[in-house]
């Protein structure tokens, strides 16, 4: 497993999971684990949303660079940037 930090922007909030995830996880796997974490309140900095739905969110991958580890970033899709 190549570790990565999972970051989510959701409902005006931004936060990270406290534990690493696999950088090579598929987009579907990332969305599934993030949805469960959102619903249970596992993201640091984001309030739990038991009905949270990440349908349509984009998974962006940023490999380690300049001392910053791998990151997976989940964000809502936007009309001007995909």
C-alpha atoms as a PDB file:
ATOM      1  CA  UNK A   1       0.000   0.000   0.000  1.00  0.00           C
ATOM      2  CA  UNK A   2       1.244   3.421  -0.919  1.00  0.00           C
ATOM      3  CA  UNK A   3      -0.164   5.693   1.843  1.00  0.00           C
ATOM      4  CA  UNK A   4      -2.007   8.934   1.164  1.00  0.00           C
ATOM      5  CA  UNK A   5      -3.942  11.551   3.093  1.00  0.00           C
ATOM      6  CA  UNK A   6      -7.615  11.747   2.098  1.00  0.00           C
ATOM      7  CA  UNK A   7      -8.967  15.305   2.049  1.00  0.00           C
ATOM      8  CA  UNK A   8     -12.602  16.281   1.510  1.00  0.00           C
ATOM      9  CA  UNK A   9     -14.288  19.596   0.760  1.00  0.00           C
ATOM     10  CA  UNK A  10     -17.950  19.278   1.727  1.00  0.00           C
ATOM     11  CA  UNK A  11     -20.734  21.719   2.493  1.00  0.00           C
ATOM     12  CA  UNK A  12     -18.388  24.656   3.117  1.00  0.00           C
ATOM     13  CA  UNK A  13     -16.025  22.600   5.267  1.00  0.00           C
ATOM     14  CA  UNK A  14     -12.659  20.991   4.561  1.00  0.00           C
ATOM     15  CA  UNK A  15     -11.011  18.160   6.456  1.00  0.00           C
ATOM     16  CA  UNK A  16      -8.741  15.120   6.420  1.00  0.00           C
ATOM     17  CA  UNK A  17      -9.196  11.557   7.537  1.00  0.00           C
ATOM     18  CA  UNK A  18      -6.890  10.896  10.506  1.00  0.00           C
ATOM     19  CA  UNK A  19      -5.611   7.599   9.017  1.00  0.00           C
ATOM     20  CA  UNK A  20      -3.877   7.083   5.684  1.00  0.00           C
ATOM     21  CA  UNK A  21      -5.646   5.437   2.763  1.00  0.00           C
ATOM     22  CA  UNK A  22      -4.195   3.616  -0.241  1.00  0.00           C
ATOM     23  CA  UNK A  23      -3.085   6.100  -2.911  1.00  0.00           C
ATOM     24  CA  UNK A  24      -3.837   3.510  -5.603  1.00  0.00           C
ATOM     25  CA  UNK A  25      -7.478   2.967  -4.543  1.00  0.00           C
ATOM     26  CA  UNK A  26      -9.987   3.311  -7.371  1.00  0.00           C
ATOM     27  CA  UNK A  27     -12.202   6.393  -7.491  1.00  0.00           C
ATOM     28  CA  UNK A  28     -15.167   4.195  -6.534  1.00  0.00           C
ATOM     29  CA  UNK A  29     -13.310   2.842  -3.486  1.00  0.00           C
ATOM     30  CA  UNK A  30     -12.291   6.352  -2.413  1.00  0.00           C
ATOM     31  CA  UNK A  31     -15.872   7.637  -2.728  1.00  0.00           C
ATOM     32  CA  UNK A  32     -17.230   4.651  -0.799  1.00  0.00           C
ATOM     33  CA  UNK A  33     -14.783   5.025   2.095  1.00  0.00           C
ATOM     34  CA  UNK A  34     -15.217   8.806   2.163  1.00  0.00           C
ATOM     35  CA  UNK A  35     -19.005   8.528   2.247  1.00  0.00           C
ATOM     36  CA  UNK A  36     -18.848   6.160   5.225  1.00  0.00           C
ATOM     37  CA  UNK A  37     -16.341   8.425   6.980  1.00  0.00           C
ATOM     38  CA  UNK A  38     -18.513  11.496   6.333  1.00  0.00           C
ATOM     39  CA  UNK A  39     -21.606   9.776   7.683  1.00  0.00           C
ATOM     40  CA  UNK A  40     -19.818   8.663  10.859  1.00  0.00           C
ATOM     41  CA  UNK A  41     -17.979  11.930  11.485  1.00  0.00           C
ATOM     42  CA  UNK A  42     -14.484  10.581  10.872  1.00  0.00           C
ATOM     43  CA  UNK A  43     -13.146  13.577   8.915  1.00  0.00           C
ATOM     44  CA  UNK A  44     -11.296  16.022  11.149  1.00  0.00           C
ATOM     45  CA  UNK A  45     -12.778  19.456  10.451  1.00  0.00           C
ATOM     46  CA  UNK A  46     -16.085  18.283   8.953  1.00  0.00           C
ATOM     47  CA  UNK A  47     -19.298  17.746  10.891  1.00  0.00           C
ATOM     48  CA  UNK A  48     -20.853  14.287  10.565  1.00  0.00           C
ATOM     49  CA  UNK A  49     -23.669  14.083   8.039  1.00  0.00           C
ATOM     50  CA  UNK A  50     -25.586  10.811   8.468  1.00  0.00           C
ATOM     51  CA  UNK A  51     -27.260  11.414   5.091  1.00  0.00           C
ATOM     52  CA  UNK A  52     -24.061  12.572   3.360  1.00  0.00           C
ATOM     53  CA  UNK A  53     -23.914  11.844  -0.358  1.00  0.00           C
ATOM     54  CA  UNK A  54     -20.771  12.316  -2.443  1.00  0.00           C
ATOM     55  CA  UNK A  55     -22.353  11.404  -5.772  1.00  0.00           C
ATOM     56  CA  UNK A  56     -20.718  13.482  -8.488  1.00  0.00           C
ATOM     57  CA  UNK A  57     -17.633  14.346  -6.431  1.00  0.00           C
ATOM     58  CA  UNK A  58     -14.259  14.259  -8.194  1.00  0.00           C
ATOM     59  CA  UNK A  59     -11.183  12.394  -6.940  1.00  0.00           C
ATOM     60  CA  UNK A  60      -7.936  14.227  -7.616  1.00  0.00           C
ATOM     61  CA  UNK A  61      -4.554  12.555  -7.004  1.00  0.00           C
ATOM     62  CA  UNK A  62      -1.467  14.471  -5.993  1.00  0.00           C
ATOM     63  CA  UNK A  63       1.717  12.397  -5.723  1.00  0.00           C
ATOM     64  CA  UNK A  64       4.263  13.209  -3.022  1.00  0.00           C
ATOM     65  CA  UNK A  65       6.375  16.279  -3.787  1.00  0.00           C
ATOM     66  CA  UNK A  66       8.630  18.664  -1.901  1.00  0.00           C
ATOM     67  CA  UNK A  67       8.228  16.864   1.420  1.00  0.00           C
ATOM     68  CA  UNK A  68       4.432  16.666   1.210  1.00  0.00           C
ATOM     69  CA  UNK A  69       3.096  13.108   1.086  1.00  0.00           C
ATOM     70  CA  UNK A  70       0.611  11.644  -1.373  1.00  0.00           C
ATOM     71  CA  UNK A  71      -2.825  13.240  -1.236  1.00  0.00           C
ATOM     72  CA  UNK A  72      -6.235  12.233  -2.504  1.00  0.00           C
ATOM     73  CA  UNK A  73      -8.577  15.202  -2.696  1.00  0.00           C
ATOM     74  CA  UNK A  74     -12.355  14.885  -3.010  1.00  0.00           C
ATOM     75  CA  UNK A  75     -14.247  17.916  -4.145  1.00  0.00           C
ATOM     76  CA  UNK A  76     -17.647  18.680  -5.600  1.00  0.00           C
ATOM     77  CA  UNK A  77     -17.825  18.857  -9.367  1.00  0.00           C
ATOM     78  CA  UNK A  78     -18.150  22.412 -10.603  1.00  0.00           C
ATOM     79  CA  UNK A  79     -19.504  23.631 -13.946  1.00  0.00           C
ATOM     80  CA  UNK A  80     -16.369  25.611 -14.864  1.00  0.00           C
ATOM     81  CA  UNK A  81     -13.689  23.087 -13.933  1.00  0.00           C
ATOM     82  CA  UNK A  82     -15.094  19.588 -14.099  1.00  0.00           C
END
